[in-house]
Amino acid sequence: MLAKIRGAELYFDIDGMGLVPEMDQMVERPVLFLLHGGPGGDHVSFKHRVAKLRDVAQLVFVDHRGSGRSKPCDPETYTLDDNIRDVDALRDHLGLERIAVMGSSYGGMVAQGYAIDYPERISNLVLSATAPSFRFIDEAKKIVEEKGTDEQRRVCQRLWDGRFESEEQLYEYYKITGPLYSVTWDEKAFDTSYKQSIRNFEQLNRGFGGFLRTFDFIEKLPEIRCPTLVMAAAHDWICPVNQSELIADKIPKAHLKVFRNSSHAIASDENEAFLTAVRGFLTYAPQ
């Protein structure tokens, strides 16, 4: 489905019931917006890993403006601030008073910004393998220099510079760095998943070559007052675990869970544990 909001057409997909029978009454489940990584990724890349959460929430998968199945629009609006405002515009478009938000990687950066800017509109916040400021980039560079292969360092330089020039280069990047992103990385599964996704290298360039070099939420994190689950991966190379530790330390109602056998792709590396953590949080945290 497409929502025409703020000069863009955002693709979103709804999975699960919002109103369910329980004993002799109907119970309303929370609505959970799921925000993908990138910039320039799409919701399909992780959808099959998290769709089972429909048993505790009504899921709204969102493709950021110009990403995935959302329509191209003014490239000057492919920014973190616009992605944040789009979340609230979509909430309003759907007639929802409050929403829960889960963001992974770059989606977690959007989710942090949303919780800061729209505190009255968010009930619960879930952050997975993300970072609160531009400083994560320097840390990721150090990890690749120390632990990466020559090929991984070569393709990562395109990311740091924001200079992908083709879909082929983007595919090469993700294929070569796959073992960094996931400790359970499988080449055949990667190829299948990649073909299903729609990725935008120009948005990735705008992020790493531009606004991701300057964003900083650290001083505003204490303003987030909703219950928050922060999930980190012990082997994450691009959003190292200390980034999540900082987030959890700054947000008053945050709980940190570290997945010891995961890299950046927690929902892939430890899927059942990931789902259990999110289910428990959405079920028992105050709404």
C-alpha atoms as a PDB file:
ATOM      1  CA  MET A   1       0.000   0.000   0.000  1.00  0.00           C
ATOM      2  CA  LEU A   2       1.086   3.562  -0.637  1.00  0.00           C
ATOM      3  CA  ALA A   3       0.470   6.586   1.572  1.00  0.00           C
ATOM      4  CA  LYS A   4       0.798  10.032  -0.007  1.00  0.00           C
ATOM      5  CA  ILE A   5       2.401  12.134   2.709  1.00  0.00           C
ATOM      6  CA  ARG A   6       4.727  15.127   2.838  1.00  0.00           C
ATOM      7  CA  GLY A   7       5.424  15.140  -0.903  1.00  0.00           C
ATOM      8  CA  ALA A   8       6.288  11.440  -0.953  1.00  0.00           C
ATOM      9  CA  GLU A   9       4.545   8.124  -1.517  1.00  0.00           C
ATOM     10  CA  LEU A  10       5.530   5.718   1.251  1.00  0.00           C
ATOM     11  CA  TYR A  11       5.047   2.002   0.884  1.00  0.00           C
ATOM     12  CA  PHE A  12       3.761   0.222   3.966  1.00  0.00           C
ATOM     13  CA  ASP A  13       2.465  -3.270   4.644  1.00  0.00           C
ATOM     14  CA  ILE A  14       0.255  -4.316   7.560  1.00  0.00           C
ATOM     15  CA  ASP A  15       0.511  -7.786   9.080  1.00  0.00           C
ATOM     16  CA  GLY A  16      -1.600  -9.130  11.941  1.00  0.00           C
ATOM     17  CA  MET A  17      -4.815  -8.264  13.743  1.00  0.00           C
ATOM     18  CA  GLY A  18      -5.249  -5.104  15.770  1.00  0.00           C
ATOM     19  CA  LEU A  19      -8.272  -6.361  17.672  1.00  0.00           C
ATOM     20  CA  VAL A  20      -8.344  -9.942  18.986  1.00  0.00           C
ATOM     21  CA  PRO A  21     -10.755 -11.999  21.094  1.00  0.00           C
ATOM     22  CA  GLU A  22      -9.639 -12.859  24.613  1.00  0.00           C
ATOM     23  CA  MET A  23     -12.063 -14.738  26.846  1.00  0.00           C
ATOM     24  CA  ASP A  24     -15.348 -12.782  26.731  1.00  0.00           C
ATOM     25  CA  GLN A  25     -13.913  -9.506  25.412  1.00  0.00           C
ATOM     26  CA  MET A  26     -11.995  -7.982  22.532  1.00  0.00           C
ATOM     27  CA  VAL A  27      -8.460  -6.777  23.266  1.00  0.00           C
ATOM     28  CA  GLU A  28      -6.578  -4.166  21.253  1.00  0.00           C
ATOM     29  CA  ARG A  29      -3.003  -5.021  20.421  1.00  0.00           C
ATOM     30  CA  PRO A  30      -0.288  -2.376  20.101  1.00  0.00           C
ATOM     31  CA  VAL A  31       0.550  -1.160  16.612  1.00  0.00           C
ATOM     32  CA  LEU A  32       4.260  -1.644  15.939  1.00  0.00           C
ATOM     33  CA  PHE A  33       5.979   0.343  13.187  1.00  0.00           C
ATOM     34  CA  LEU A  34       9.065  -1.507  11.903  1.00  0.00           C
ATOM     35  CA  LEU A  35      11.816   0.644  10.389  1.00  0.00           C
ATOM     36  CA  HIS A  36      14.509  -0.870   8.185  1.00  0.00           C
ATOM     37  CA  GLY A  37      18.195  -0.131   7.909  1.00  0.00           C
ATOM     38  CA  GLY A  38      20.342   1.452   5.254  1.00  0.00           C
ATOM     39  CA  PRO A  39      19.858   4.202   4.392  1.00  0.00           C
ATOM     40  CA  GLY A  40      18.488   2.800   1.164  1.00  0.00           C
ATOM     41  CA  GLY A  41      17.461  -0.638   2.412  1.00  0.00           C
ATOM     42  CA  ASP A  42      13.909  -1.952   2.535  1.00  0.00           C
ATOM     43  CA  HIS A  43      11.536  -3.803   4.852  1.00  0.00           C
ATOM     44  CA  VAL A  44      11.692  -7.027   2.835  1.00  0.00           C
ATOM     45  CA  SER A  45      15.291  -7.633   3.901  1.00  0.00           C
ATOM     46  CA  PHE A  46      14.194  -8.468   7.472  1.00  0.00           C
ATOM     47  CA  LYS A  47      10.458  -9.046   7.156  1.00  0.00           C
ATOM     48  CA  HIS A  48      10.611 -12.839   7.181  1.00  0.00           C
ATOM     49  CA  ARG A  49      12.705 -12.727  10.360  1.00  0.00           C
ATOM     50  CA  VAL A  50      10.291 -10.665  12.431  1.00  0.00           C
ATOM     51  CA  ALA A  51       6.823 -11.343  10.981  1.00  0.00           C
ATOM     52  CA  LYS A  52       6.042 -13.816  13.789  1.00  0.00           C
ATOM     53  CA  LEU A  53       5.703 -10.811  16.095  1.00  0.00           C
ATOM     54  CA  ARG A  54       2.188 -10.511  14.656  1.00  0.00           C
ATOM     55  CA  ASP A  55       1.088 -12.698  17.584  1.00  0.00           C
ATOM     56  CA  VAL A  56       1.660  -9.788  20.017  1.00  0.00           C
ATOM     57  CA  ALA A  57       1.232  -6.686  17.855  1.00  0.00           C
ATOM     58  CA  GLN A  58      -0.218  -5.420  14.618  1.00  0.00           C
ATOM     59  CA  LEU A  59       2.833  -4.881  12.443  1.00  0.00           C
ATOM     60  CA  VAL A  60       3.298  -1.959  10.065  1.00  0.00           C
ATOM     61  CA  PHE A  61       6.347  -2.459   7.844  1.00  0.00           C
ATOM     62  CA  VAL A  62       7.565   0.809   6.334  1.00  0.00           C
ATOM     63  CA  ASP A  63       9.891   1.601   3.449  1.00  0.00           C
ATOM     64  CA  HIS A  64      11.512   5.009   3.941  1.00  0.00           C
ATOM     65  CA  ARG A  65      10.853   7.626   1.277  1.00  0.00           C
ATOM     66  CA  GLY A  66      12.549   6.715  -1.997  1.00  0.00           C
ATOM     67  CA  SER A  67      13.583   3.330  -0.577  1.00  0.00           C
ATOM     68  CA  GLY A  68      12.357  -0.143  -1.408  1.00  0.00           C
ATOM     69  CA  ARG A  69       8.836   0.000  -2.813  1.00  0.00           C
ATOM     70  CA  SER A  70       8.249   3.623  -1.861  1.00  0.00           C
ATOM     71  CA  LYS A  71       8.184   5.941  -4.865  1.00  0.00           C
ATOM     72  CA  PRO A  72      11.212   8.058  -5.779  1.00  0.00           C
ATOM     73  CA  CYS A  73      10.883  11.690  -4.723  1.00  0.00           C
ATOM     74  CA  ASP A  74      13.082  14.759  -4.290  1.00  0.00           C
ATOM     75  CA  PRO A  75      16.558  13.396  -3.417  1.00  0.00           C
ATOM     76  CA  GLU A  76      17.176  16.460  -1.257  1.00  0.00           C
ATOM     77  CA  THR A  77      14.581  15.026   1.141  1.00  0.00           C
ATOM     78  CA  TYR A  78      16.397  11.719   1.582  1.00  0.00           C
ATOM     79  CA  THR A  79      17.479  12.730   5.071  1.00  0.00           C
ATOM     80  CA  LEU A  80      17.255  11.475   8.643  1.00  0.00           C
ATOM     81  CA  ASP A  81      15.004  14.398   9.609  1.00  0.00           C
ATOM     82  CA  ASP A  82      12.586  13.671   6.765  1.00  0.00           C
ATOM     83  CA  ASN A  83      12.484   9.969   7.634  1.00  0.00           C
ATOM     84  CA  ILE A  84      11.602  10.907  11.219  1.00  0.00           C
ATOM     85  CA  ARG A  85       8.800  13.241  10.169  1.00  0.00           C
ATOM     86  CA  ASP A  86       7.488  10.652   7.717  1.00  0.00           C
ATOM     87  CA  VAL A  87       6.916   8.187  10.552  1.00  0.00           C
ATOM     88  CA  ASP A  88       4.584  10.616  12.289  1.00  0.00           C
ATOM     89  CA  ALA A  89       2.867  11.559   9.039  1.00  0.00           C
ATOM     90  CA  LEU A  90       2.148   7.884   8.388  1.00  0.00           C
ATOM     91  CA  ARG A  91       0.879   7.450  11.944  1.00  0.00           C
ATOM     92  CA  ASP A  92      -1.512  10.323  11.357  1.00  0.00           C
ATOM     93  CA  HIS A  93      -2.484   8.960   7.916  1.00  0.00           C
ATOM     94  CA  LEU A  94      -3.505   5.681   9.558  1.00  0.00           C
ATOM     95  CA  GLY A  95      -5.516   7.479  12.243  1.00  0.00           C
ATOM     96  CA  LEU A  96      -3.421   6.181  15.133  1.00  0.00           C
ATOM     97  CA  GLU A  97      -3.056   8.115  18.365  1.00  0.00           C
ATOM     98  CA  ARG A  98       0.071   6.328  19.622  1.00  0.00           C
ATOM     99  CA  ILE A  99       2.392   3.706  18.192  1.00  0.00           C
ATOM    100  CA  ALA A 100       5.211   1.439  19.281  1.00  0.00           C
ATOM    101  CA  VAL A 101       8.317   1.709  17.105  1.00  0.00           C
ATOM    102  CA  MET A 102      11.069  -0.799  16.373  1.00  0.00           C
ATOM    103  CA  GLY A 103      14.107   0.293  14.388  1.00  0.00           C
ATOM    104  CA  SER A 104      17.074  -1.774  13.294  1.00  0.00           C
ATOM    105  CA  SER A 105      20.454  -0.254  12.391  1.00  0.00           C
ATOM    106  CA  TYR A 106      19.694   2.995  10.509  1.00  0.00           C
ATOM    107  CA  GLY A 107      16.028   2.401  11.321  1.00  0.00           C
ATOM    108  CA  GLY A 108      17.040   2.573  14.981  1.00  0.00           C
ATOM    109  CA  MET A 109      18.474   6.032  14.379  1.00  0.00           C
ATOM    110  CA  VAL A 110      15.162   7.108  12.856  1.00  0.00           C
ATOM    111  CA  ALA A 111      13.343   5.533  15.814  1.00  0.00           C
ATOM    112  CA  GLN A 112      15.482   7.429  18.344  1.00  0.00           C
ATOM    113  CA  GLY A 113      14.759  10.682  16.570  1.00  0.00           C
ATOM    114  CA  TYR A 114      11.055   9.905  16.530  1.00  0.00           C
ATOM    115  CA  ALA A 115      10.969   9.162  20.254  1.00  0.00           C
ATOM    116  CA  ILE A 116      12.765  12.454  20.938  1.00  0.00           C
ATOM    117  CA  ASP A 117      10.653  14.624  18.633  1.00  0.00           C
ATOM    118  CA  TYR A 118       7.241  13.005  19.214  1.00  0.00           C
ATOM    119  CA  PRO A 119       7.204  11.800  22.842  1.00  0.00           C
ATOM    120  CA  GLU A 120       3.418  12.018  23.094  1.00  0.00           C
ATOM    121  CA  ARG A 121       2.955   9.726  20.083  1.00  0.00           C
ATOM    122  CA  ILE A 122       5.147   6.777  21.062  1.00  0.00           C
ATOM    123  CA  SER A 123       4.213   4.116  23.608  1.00  0.00           C
ATOM    124  CA  ASN A 124       7.226   1.790  23.433  1.00  0.00           C
ATOM    125  CA  LEU A 125      10.583   1.839  21.687  1.00  0.00           C
ATOM    126  CA  VAL A 126      12.657  -1.122  20.466  1.00  0.00           C
ATOM    127  CA  LEU A 127      16.173  -0.477  19.170  1.00  0.00           C
ATOM    128  CA  SER A 128      18.235  -3.190  17.519  1.00  0.00           C
ATOM    129  CA  ALA A 129      21.929  -2.931  16.610  1.00  0.00           C
ATOM    130  CA  THR A 130      22.014   0.824  16.224  1.00  0.00           C
ATOM    131  CA  ALA A 131      23.953   3.904  17.342  1.00  0.00           C
ATOM    132  CA  PRO A 132      23.145   7.330  18.837  1.00  0.00           C
ATOM    133  CA  SER A 133      25.616   9.484  16.898  1.00  0.00           C
ATOM    134  CA  PHE A 134      28.059   9.806  14.017  1.00  0.00           C
ATOM    135  CA  ARG A 135      30.845   8.418  16.206  1.00  0.00           C
ATOM    136  CA  PHE A 136      29.899   4.841  15.331  1.00  0.00           C
ATOM    137  CA  ILE A 137      31.541   5.299  11.928  1.00  0.00           C
ATOM    138  CA  ASP A 138      35.062   5.796  13.296  1.00  0.00           C
ATOM    139  CA  GLU A 139      34.661   2.754  15.535  1.00  0.00           C
ATOM    140  CA  ALA A 140      33.465   0.626  12.622  1.00  0.00           C
ATOM    141  CA  LYS A 141      36.439   1.762  10.542  1.00  0.00           C
ATOM    142  CA  LYS A 142      38.827   0.608  13.280  1.00  0.00           C
ATOM    143  CA  ILE A 143      37.156  -2.799  13.529  1.00  0.00           C
ATOM    144  CA  VAL A 144      37.390  -3.384   9.772  1.00  0.00           C
ATOM    145  CA  GLU A 145      41.030  -2.325   9.749  1.00  0.00           C
ATOM    146  CA  GLU A 146      41.826  -4.740  12.579  1.00  0.00           C
ATOM    147  CA  LYS A 147      39.632  -7.720  11.698  1.00  0.00           C
ATOM    148  CA  GLY A 148      38.561  -7.358   8.076  1.00  0.00           C
ATOM    149  CA  THR A 149      40.102  -8.898   4.976  1.00  0.00           C
ATOM    150  CA  ASP A 150      41.725  -6.836   2.237  1.00  0.00           C
ATOM    151  CA  GLU A 151      38.577  -7.218   0.130  1.00  0.00           C
ATOM    152  CA  GLN A 152      36.335  -6.139   3.005  1.00  0.00           C
ATOM    153  CA  ARG A 153      38.455  -3.077   3.649  1.00  0.00           C
ATOM    154  CA  ARG A 154      38.337  -2.226  -0.064  1.00  0.00           C
ATOM    155  CA  VAL A 155      34.539  -2.318  -0.396  1.00  0.00           C
ATOM    156  CA  CYS A 156      34.024  -0.633   2.985  1.00  0.00           C
ATOM    157  CA  GLN A 157      35.986   2.340   1.719  1.00  0.00           C
ATOM    158  CA  ARG A 158      33.166   2.955  -0.775  1.00  0.00           C
ATOM    159  CA  LEU A 159      30.751   3.033   2.162  1.00  0.00           C
ATOM    160  CA  TRP A 160      32.852   5.455   4.209  1.00  0.00           C
ATOM    161  CA  ASP A 161      33.291   7.724   1.174  1.00  0.00           C
ATOM    162  CA  GLY A 162      29.652   7.508   0.087  1.00  0.00           C
ATOM    163  CA  ARG A 163      30.651   6.708  -3.474  1.00  0.00           C
ATOM    164  CA  PHE A 164      28.807   3.641  -4.709  1.00  0.00           C
ATOM    165  CA  GLU A 165      28.334   4.097  -8.440  1.00  0.00           C
ATOM    166  CA  SER A 166      26.187   1.117  -9.445  1.00  0.00           C
ATOM    167  CA  GLU A 167      23.896  -1.651  -8.237  1.00  0.00           C
ATOM    168  CA  GLU A 168      26.725  -4.073  -9.016  1.00  0.00           C
ATOM    169  CA  GLN A 169      29.050  -2.319  -6.589  1.00  0.00           C
ATOM    170  CA  LEU A 170      26.374  -2.365  -3.906  1.00  0.00           C
ATOM    171  CA  TYR A 171      25.787  -6.096  -4.404  1.00  0.00           C
ATOM    172  CA  GLU A 172      29.548  -6.694  -4.224  1.00  0.00           C
ATOM    173  CA  TYR A 173      29.730  -4.736  -0.966  1.00  0.00           C
ATOM    174  CA  TYR A 174      27.019  -6.746   0.767  1.00  0.00           C
ATOM    175  CA  LYS A 175      28.312 -10.060  -0.531  1.00  0.00           C
ATOM    176  CA  ILE A 176      31.900  -9.450   0.570  1.00  0.00           C
ATOM    177  CA  THR A 177      30.935  -7.992   3.955  1.00  0.00           C
ATOM    178  CA  GLY A 178      28.208 -10.577   4.602  1.00  0.00           C
ATOM    179  CA  PRO A 179      30.329 -12.541   7.135  1.00  0.00           C
ATOM    180  CA  LEU A 180      30.855  -9.289   9.058  1.00  0.00           C
ATOM    181  CA  TYR A 181      27.125  -8.589   9.257  1.00  0.00           C
ATOM    182  CA  SER A 182      26.092 -12.100  10.313  1.00  0.00           C
ATOM    183  CA  VAL A 183      27.881 -14.915  12.119  1.00  0.00           C
ATOM    184  CA  THR A 184      25.502 -17.358  10.404  1.00  0.00           C
ATOM    185  CA  TRP A 185      25.955 -15.824   6.941  1.00  0.00           C
ATOM    186  CA  ASP A 186      25.107 -18.160   4.086  1.00  0.00           C
ATOM    187  CA  GLU A 187      25.892 -17.197   0.491  1.00  0.00           C
ATOM    188  CA  LYS A 188      22.904 -18.993  -1.056  1.00  0.00           C
ATOM    189  CA  ALA A 189      20.441 -17.507   1.431  1.00  0.00           C
ATOM    190  CA  PHE A 190      22.007 -14.097   0.864  1.00  0.00           C
ATOM    191  CA  ASP A 191      21.495 -14.280  -2.891  1.00  0.00           C
ATOM    192  CA  THR A 192      17.842 -15.244  -2.454  1.00  0.00           C
ATOM    193  CA  SER A 193      17.177 -12.460   0.041  1.00  0.00           C
ATOM    194  CA  TYR A 194      19.030  -9.871  -2.014  1.00  0.00           C
ATOM    195  CA  LYS A 195      16.991 -10.637  -5.128  1.00  0.00           C
ATOM    196  CA  GLN A 196      13.784 -10.093  -3.138  1.00  0.00           C
ATOM    197  CA  SER A 197      14.914  -6.716  -1.820  1.00  0.00           C
ATOM    198  CA  ILE A 198      15.062  -3.344  -3.571  1.00  0.00           C
ATOM    199  CA  ARG A 199      18.093  -1.337  -2.460  1.00  0.00           C
ATOM    200  CA  ASN A 200      19.063   2.225  -3.296  1.00  0.00           C
ATOM    201  CA  PHE A 201      22.803   2.936  -3.349  1.00  0.00           C
ATOM    202  CA  GLU A 202      22.249   6.672  -3.874  1.00  0.00           C
ATOM    203  CA  GLN A 203      20.535   6.887  -0.491  1.00  0.00           C
ATOM    204  CA  LEU A 204      23.383   4.965   1.112  1.00  0.00           C
ATOM    205  CA  ASN A 205      25.773   7.509  -0.411  1.00  0.00           C
ATOM    206  CA  ARG A 206      23.736  10.422   0.937  1.00  0.00           C
ATOM    207  CA  GLY A 207      23.782   8.888   4.391  1.00  0.00           C
ATOM    208  CA  PHE A 208      27.413   7.869   4.792  1.00  0.00           C
ATOM    209  CA  GLY A 209      28.670  10.671   2.586  1.00  0.00           C
ATOM    210  CA  GLY A 210      26.534  13.264   4.336  1.00  0.00           C
ATOM    211  CA  PHE A 211      24.106  13.374   7.260  1.00  0.00           C
ATOM    212  CA  LEU A 212      25.346  10.298   9.116  1.00  0.00           C
ATOM    213  CA  ARG A 213      28.649  12.115   9.570  1.00  0.00           C
ATOM    214  CA  THR A 214      27.032  14.765  11.746  1.00  0.00           C
ATOM    215  CA  PHE A 215      23.887  13.419  13.472  1.00  0.00           C
ATOM    216  CA  ASP A 216      24.044  13.258  17.266  1.00  0.00           C
ATOM    217  CA  PHE A 217      21.226  12.291  19.643  1.00  0.00           C
ATOM    218  CA  ILE A 218      23.344  11.618  22.728  1.00  0.00           C
ATOM    219  CA  GLU A 219      22.450  14.740  24.703  1.00  0.00           C
ATOM    220  CA  LYS A 220      18.733  14.335  23.900  1.00  0.00           C
ATOM    221  CA  LEU A 221      18.416  10.646  24.774  1.00  0.00           C
ATOM    222  CA  PRO A 222      17.370  11.407  28.397  1.00  0.00           C
ATOM    223  CA  GLU A 223      14.282  13.083  26.921  1.00  0.00           C
ATOM    224  CA  ILE A 224      13.003   9.670  25.799  1.00  0.00           C
ATOM    225  CA  ARG A 225      10.579   8.667  28.543  1.00  0.00           C
ATOM    226  CA  CYS A 226       8.799   5.653  27.066  1.00  0.00           C
ATOM    227  CA  PRO A 227       9.785   2.081  28.003  1.00  0.00           C
ATOM    228  CA  THR A 228      12.694   1.107  25.751  1.00  0.00           C
ATOM    229  CA  LEU A 229      14.315  -2.197  24.832  1.00  0.00           C
ATOM    230  CA  VAL A 230      17.863  -1.819  23.511  1.00  0.00           C
ATOM    231  CA  MET A 231      19.291  -4.892  21.788  1.00  0.00           C
ATOM    232  CA  ALA A 232      22.970  -5.187  20.943  1.00  0.00           C
ATOM    233  CA  ALA A 233      25.192  -7.840  19.393  1.00  0.00           C
ATOM    234  CA  ALA A 234      28.489  -8.828  20.947  1.00  0.00           C
ATOM    235  CA  HIS A 235      30.135  -9.255  17.531  1.00  0.00           C
ATOM    236  CA  ASP A 236      28.580  -6.257  15.769  1.00  0.00           C
ATOM    237  CA  TRP A 237      31.179  -4.515  13.644  1.00  0.00           C
ATOM    238  CA  ILE A 238      29.259  -1.493  12.320  1.00  0.00           C
ATOM    239  CA  CYS A 239      27.208  -0.552  15.399  1.00  0.00           C
ATOM    240  CA  PRO A 240      29.469  -1.924  18.150  1.00  0.00           C
ATOM    241  CA  VAL A 241      27.933  -3.017  21.436  1.00  0.00           C
ATOM    242  CA  ASN A 242      29.239   0.038  23.311  1.00  0.00           C
ATOM    243  CA  GLN A 243      26.955   2.207  21.174  1.00  0.00           C
ATOM    244  CA  SER A 244      23.905   0.377  22.540  1.00  0.00           C
ATOM    245  CA  GLU A 245      25.328   0.493  26.051  1.00  0.00           C
ATOM    246  CA  LEU A 246      25.520   4.274  25.771  1.00  0.00           C
ATOM    247  CA  ILE A 247      21.920   4.481  24.539  1.00  0.00           C
ATOM    248  CA  ALA A 248      20.657   2.288  27.382  1.00  0.00           C
ATOM    249  CA  ASP A 249      22.601   4.322  29.921  1.00  0.00           C
ATOM    250  CA  LYS A 250      21.122   7.617  28.716  1.00  0.00           C
ATOM    251  CA  ILE A 251      17.445   6.602  28.342  1.00  0.00           C
ATOM    252  CA  PRO A 252      15.773   6.492  31.793  1.00  0.00           C
ATOM    253  CA  LYS A 253      13.439   3.528  31.172  1.00  0.00           C
ATOM    254  CA  ALA A 254      15.750   1.459  29.004  1.00  0.00           C
ATOM    255  CA  HIS A 255      16.630  -2.213  29.332  1.00  0.00           C
ATOM    256  CA  LEU A 256      19.723  -3.525  27.551  1.00  0.00           C
ATOM    257  CA  LYS A 257      19.956  -7.047  26.164  1.00  0.00           C
ATOM    258  CA  VAL A 258      23.207  -8.211  24.561  1.00  0.00           C
ATOM    259  CA  PHE A 259      23.104 -11.190  22.204  1.00  0.00           C
ATOM    260  CA  ARG A 260      26.358 -13.045  22.694  1.00  0.00           C
ATOM    261  CA  ASN A 261      26.251 -15.101  19.487  1.00  0.00           C
ATOM    262  CA  SER A 262      25.250 -12.408  17.015  1.00  0.00           C
ATOM    263  CA  SER A 263      26.706  -9.781  14.770  1.00  0.00           C
ATOM    264  CA  HIS A 264      24.746  -6.885  13.275  1.00  0.00           C
ATOM    265  CA  ALA A 265      21.948  -9.122  11.967  1.00  0.00           C
ATOM    266  CA  ILE A 266      20.593 -10.211  15.362  1.00  0.00           C
ATOM    267  CA  ALA A 267      17.219 -11.280  13.990  1.00  0.00           C
ATOM    268  CA  SER A 268      19.050 -13.680  11.687  1.00  0.00           C
ATOM    269  CA  ASP A 269      21.814 -14.934  13.979  1.00  0.00           C
ATOM    270  CA  GLU A 270      19.637 -15.587  17.049  1.00  0.00           C
ATOM    271  CA  ASN A 271      16.136 -15.412  15.683  1.00  0.00           C
ATOM    272  CA  GLU A 272      14.211 -17.211  18.428  1.00  0.00           C
ATOM    273  CA  ALA A 273      15.979 -15.319  21.210  1.00  0.00           C
ATOM    274  CA  PHE A 274      15.365 -12.065  19.352  1.00  0.00           C
ATOM    275  CA  LEU A 275      11.643 -12.779  18.971  1.00  0.00           C
ATOM    276  CA  THR A 276      11.347 -13.869  22.598  1.00  0.00           C
ATOM    277  CA  ALA A 277      12.934 -10.634  23.821  1.00  0.00           C
ATOM    278  CA  VAL A 278      10.677  -8.406  21.732  1.00  0.00           C
ATOM    279  CA  ARG A 279       7.542 -10.412  22.547  1.00  0.00           C
ATOM    280  CA  GLY A 280       8.236 -10.202  26.264  1.00  0.00           C
ATOM    281  CA  PHE A 281       8.884  -6.486  26.094  1.00  0.00           C
ATOM    282  CA  LEU A 282       5.739  -5.688  24.097  1.00  0.00           C
ATOM    283  CA  THR A 283       3.631  -7.945  26.292  1.00  0.00           C
ATOM    284  CA  TYR A 284       4.746  -6.802  29.722  1.00  0.00           C
ATOM    285  CA  ALA A 285       6.086  -3.256  29.320  1.00  0.00           C
ATOM    286  CA  PRO A 286       3.589  -0.473  30.085  1.00  0.00           C
ATOM    287  CA  GLN A 287       1.758   0.800  27.009  1.00  0.00           C
END
